[in-house]
C-alpha atoms as a PDB file:
ATOM      1  CA  MET A   1     -11.339 -40.675  42.761  1.00  0.00           C
ATOM      2  CA  LYS A   2      -9.810 -41.045  39.282  1.00  0.00           C
ATOM      3  CA  THR A   3     -13.210 -40.350  37.695  1.00  0.00           C
ATOM      4  CA  ILE A   4     -13.594 -37.129  39.685  1.00  0.00           C
ATOM      5  CA  THR A   5     -10.097 -35.982  38.677  1.00  0.00           C
ATOM      6  CA  ILE A   6     -10.833 -36.643  35.007  1.00  0.00           C
ATOM      7  CA  ALA A   7     -14.194 -34.869  35.249  1.00  0.00           C
ATOM      8  CA  LEU A   8     -12.620 -31.813  36.897  1.00  0.00           C
ATOM      9  CA  SER A   9      -9.872 -31.733  34.262  1.00  0.00           C
ATOM     10  CA  LEU A  10     -12.411 -31.835  31.435  1.00  0.00           C
ATOM     11  CA  PHE A  11     -14.483 -29.128  33.121  1.00  0.00           C
ATOM     12  CA  ALA A  12     -11.372 -26.911  33.399  1.00  0.00           C
ATOM     13  CA  VAL A  13     -10.575 -27.393  29.706  1.00  0.00           C
ATOM     14  CA  PHE A  14     -14.111 -26.479  28.607  1.00  0.00           C
ATOM     15  CA  ALA A  15     -14.280 -23.533  31.006  1.00  0.00           C
ATOM     16  CA  SER A  16     -10.988 -22.091  29.766  1.00  0.00           C
ATOM     17  CA  ALA A  17     -12.009 -22.587  26.121  1.00  0.00           C
ATOM     18  CA  ASN A  18     -15.178 -20.586  26.725  1.00  0.00           C
ATOM     19  CA  ALA A  19     -13.441 -17.884  28.790  1.00  0.00           C
ATOM     20  CA  VAL A  20     -12.526 -15.943  25.649  1.00  0.00           C
ATOM     21  CA  ALA A  21     -15.835 -14.583  24.404  1.00  0.00           C
ATOM     22  CA  ASP A  22     -15.742 -13.159  20.896  1.00  0.00           C
ATOM     23  CA  VAL A  23     -17.366  -9.831  20.082  1.00  0.00           C
ATOM     24  CA  LYS A  24     -19.698 -10.307  17.118  1.00  0.00           C
ATOM     25  CA  LEU A  25     -19.526  -7.354  14.711  1.00  0.00           C
ATOM     26  CA  ALA A  26     -22.672  -6.312  12.847  1.00  0.00           C
ATOM     27  CA  ASP A  27     -20.728  -4.150  10.364  1.00  0.00           C
ATOM     28  CA  ASN A  28     -17.444  -2.240  10.092  1.00  0.00           C
ATOM     29  CA  SER A  29     -18.617   0.890  11.952  1.00  0.00           C
ATOM     30  CA  LYS A  30     -16.696   0.035  15.147  1.00  0.00           C
ATOM     31  CA  LEU A  31     -13.519  -0.693  13.177  1.00  0.00           C
ATOM     32  CA  VAL A  32     -13.259   2.349  10.894  1.00  0.00           C
ATOM     33  CA  GLY A  33     -10.227   4.474  11.701  1.00  0.00           C
ATOM     34  CA  LYS A  34      -6.561   3.975  12.539  1.00  0.00           C
ATOM     35  CA  TRP A  35      -5.339   1.307  14.939  1.00  0.00           C
ATOM     36  CA  GLN A  36      -1.784   0.843  16.207  1.00  0.00           C
ATOM     37  CA  VAL A  37      -0.902  -2.853  16.272  1.00  0.00           C
ATOM     38  CA  THR A  38       1.235  -2.892  19.410  1.00  0.00           C
ATOM     39  CA  ALA A  39       1.964  -6.627  19.783  1.00  0.00           C
ATOM     40  CA  GLU A  40       1.285 -10.144  18.573  1.00  0.00           C
ATOM     41  CA  ALA A  41       1.234 -13.429  20.466  1.00  0.00           C
ATOM     42  CA  LEU A  42       0.538 -17.093  19.806  1.00  0.00           C
ATOM     43  CA  ALA A  43      -2.003 -17.134  22.669  1.00  0.00           C
ATOM     44  CA  LEU A  44      -3.499 -14.626  25.079  1.00  0.00           C
ATOM     45  CA  ASP A  45      -1.318 -15.883  27.910  1.00  0.00           C
ATOM     46  CA  ARG A  46       1.915 -16.216  25.884  1.00  0.00           C
ATOM     47  CA  GLU A  47       4.767 -13.766  25.443  1.00  0.00           C
ATOM     48  CA  LYS A  48       3.887 -10.728  23.315  1.00  0.00           C
ATOM     49  CA  LYS A  49       6.187  -9.626  20.497  1.00  0.00           C
ATOM     50  CA  LYS A  50       6.133  -5.845  20.090  1.00  0.00           C
ATOM     51  CA  LEU A  51       5.169  -4.458  16.682  1.00  0.00           C
ATOM     52  CA  GLN A  52       5.186  -1.050  15.027  1.00  0.00           C
ATOM     53  CA  VAL A  53       2.377  -1.456  12.513  1.00  0.00           C
ATOM     54  CA  THR A  54      -0.662   0.694  11.788  1.00  0.00           C
ATOM     55  CA  TRP A  55      -3.921  -0.617  10.361  1.00  0.00           C
ATOM     56  CA  GLU A  56      -6.421   1.852   8.925  1.00  0.00           C
ATOM     57  CA  PHE A  57      -9.861   0.358   8.352  1.00  0.00           C
ATOM     58  CA  GLN A  58     -11.620   2.448   5.711  1.00  0.00           C
ATOM     59  CA  LYS A  59     -15.387   2.549   5.146  1.00  0.00           C
ATOM     60  CA  ASP A  60     -15.023   1.233   1.581  1.00  0.00           C
ATOM     61  CA  GLY A  61     -13.601  -2.139   2.715  1.00  0.00           C
ATOM     62  CA  THR A  62      -9.933  -1.256   2.294  1.00  0.00           C
ATOM     63  CA  LEU A  63      -7.461  -1.985   5.080  1.00  0.00           C
ATOM     64  CA  ILE A  64      -4.286   0.085   4.760  1.00  0.00           C
ATOM     65  CA  THR A  65      -1.384  -1.595   6.564  1.00  0.00           C
ATOM     66  CA  THR A  66       1.681   0.522   7.257  1.00  0.00           C
ATOM     67  CA  GLY A  67       4.794  -0.869   8.863  1.00  0.00           C
ATOM     68  CA  GLU A  68       8.499  -1.411   8.633  1.00  0.00           C
ATOM     69  CA  ASP A  69      10.302  -4.710   8.157  1.00  0.00           C
ATOM     70  CA  ALA A  70      13.601  -4.154   9.951  1.00  0.00           C
ATOM     71  CA  ARG A  71      15.030  -7.415   8.582  1.00  0.00           C
ATOM     72  CA  SER A  72      14.643  -6.486   4.912  1.00  0.00           C
ATOM     73  CA  GLY A  73      16.037  -2.960   5.156  1.00  0.00           C
ATOM     74  CA  ILE A  74      13.321  -1.742   2.777  1.00  0.00           C
ATOM     75  CA  GLY A  75      11.988   0.843   5.197  1.00  0.00           C
ATOM     76  CA  GLU A  76       8.351   1.722   5.718  1.00  0.00           C
ATOM     77  CA  MET A  77       5.804   0.074   3.441  1.00  0.00           C
ATOM     78  CA  THR A  78       2.107   0.788   2.934  1.00  0.00           C
ATOM     79  CA  ILE A  79      -0.008  -2.088   1.676  1.00  0.00           C
ATOM     80  CA  PRO A  80      -3.737  -1.863   0.855  1.00  0.00           C
ATOM     81  CA  ILE A  81      -5.762  -5.055   1.227  1.00  0.00           C
ATOM     82  CA  LYS A  82      -9.484  -5.820   1.158  1.00  0.00           C
ATOM     83  CA  TYR A  83     -11.566  -6.623   4.210  1.00  0.00           C
ATOM     84  CA  SER A  84     -15.207  -7.094   5.103  1.00  0.00           C
ATOM     85  CA  VAL A  85     -17.331  -7.981   8.104  1.00  0.00           C
ATOM     86  CA  ALA A  86     -19.501 -11.094   7.769  1.00  0.00           C
ATOM     87  CA  ASP A  87     -20.965 -13.491  10.308  1.00  0.00           C
ATOM     88  CA  GLY A  88     -19.574 -11.282  13.086  1.00  0.00           C
ATOM     89  CA  LEU A  89     -15.966 -11.753  11.881  1.00  0.00           C
ATOM     90  CA  ILE A  90     -13.420  -9.649  10.028  1.00  0.00           C
ATOM     91  CA  LYS A  91     -12.537 -11.323   6.747  1.00  0.00           C
ATOM     92  CA  LYS A  92      -9.265  -9.872   5.446  1.00  0.00           C
ATOM     93  CA  GLN A  93      -7.161 -10.614   2.415  1.00  0.00           C
ATOM     94  CA  VAL A  94      -4.075 -12.677   3.231  1.00  0.00           C
ATOM     95  CA  THR A  95      -2.037 -11.264   0.337  1.00  0.00           C
ATOM     96  CA  PRO A  96      -2.774  -8.231  -1.862  1.00  0.00           C
ATOM     97  CA  GLY A  97      -4.109  -9.212  -5.273  1.00  0.00           C
ATOM     98  CA  ARG A  98      -5.110 -12.736  -4.221  1.00  0.00           C
ATOM     99  CA  GLU A  99      -8.660 -13.642  -3.308  1.00  0.00           C
ATOM    100  CA  LYS A 100      -7.641 -15.762  -0.323  1.00  0.00           C
ATOM    101  CA  TYR A 101      -9.054 -14.471   2.976  1.00  0.00           C
ATOM    102  CA  GLU A 102      -8.534 -15.239   6.650  1.00  0.00           C
ATOM    103  CA  ASP A 103     -11.069 -14.788   9.429  1.00  0.00           C
ATOM    104  CA  CYS A 104     -10.213 -12.678  12.452  1.00  0.00           C
ATOM    105  CA  ALA A 105     -12.491 -12.654  15.479  1.00  0.00           C
ATOM    106  CA  VAL A 106     -12.665  -9.681  17.813  1.00  0.00           C
ATOM    107  CA  VAL A 107     -11.949 -11.206  21.228  1.00  0.00           C
ATOM    108  CA  GLU A 108     -12.175  -7.965  23.207  1.00  0.00           C
ATOM    109  CA  MET A 109     -13.028  -4.436  22.177  1.00  0.00           C
ATOM    110  CA  ASP A 110     -13.733  -1.093  23.786  1.00  0.00           C
ATOM    111  CA  GLU A 111     -13.433   2.498  22.575  1.00  0.00           C
ATOM    112  CA  LYS A 112      -9.626   2.434  22.896  1.00  0.00           C
ATOM    113  CA  ASP A 113      -8.348  -1.157  22.616  1.00  0.00           C
ATOM    114  CA  MET A 114      -9.040  -4.283  20.598  1.00  0.00           C
ATOM    115  CA  ILE A 115      -7.697  -7.843  20.560  1.00  0.00           C
ATOM    116  CA  LEU A 116      -8.071  -9.862  17.366  1.00  0.00           C
ATOM    117  CA  LYS A 117      -7.716 -13.620  17.050  1.00  0.00           C
ATOM    118  CA  CYS A 118      -6.621 -14.472  13.537  1.00  0.00           C
ATOM    119  CA  LYS A 119      -5.694 -17.927  12.268  1.00  0.00           C
ATOM    120  CA  PHE A 120      -2.335 -18.252  14.030  1.00  0.00           C
ATOM    121  CA  LEU A 121      -1.937 -15.058  16.072  1.00  0.00           C
ATOM    122  CA  TYR A 122      -3.559 -12.742  18.540  1.00  0.00           C
ATOM    123  CA  LEU A 123      -3.097  -9.086  17.612  1.00  0.00           C
ATOM    124  CA  PHE A 124      -3.244  -6.379  20.279  1.00  0.00           C
ATOM    125  CA  MET A 125      -4.336  -2.959  18.999  1.00  0.00           C
ATOM    126  CA  THR A 126      -4.889   0.560  20.296  1.00  0.00           C
ATOM    127  CA  ARG A 127      -6.982   3.188  18.489  1.00  0.00           C
ATOM    128  CA  LYS A 128      -4.923   6.159  17.253  1.00  0.00           C
END
């Protein structure tokens, strides 16, 4: 009985790990345009923190991020960073001016909505 319980537990773990199927991007054509980043979460099934950030993917490989950091009191900021699509993933600059990149996988995508899985966060986006 213990063996069956362990086997079922392992099966459940592998099944849940494969339940999130990534969308493999061939190029940036499906990304180009403005996206409203509406929320972020540590996992798909965890609490979502609301955000007011806009990402604009441009054809030339520039990602314009516009948002407001309420804690700093600076107001709205616009930050251009580099991005590309390679191996089906979005590779975006972590910090402007530095050549360190993070991979973001598209977990779900349709004409209106997209969910990205970056290194530590899931980002929930709606096309503007």
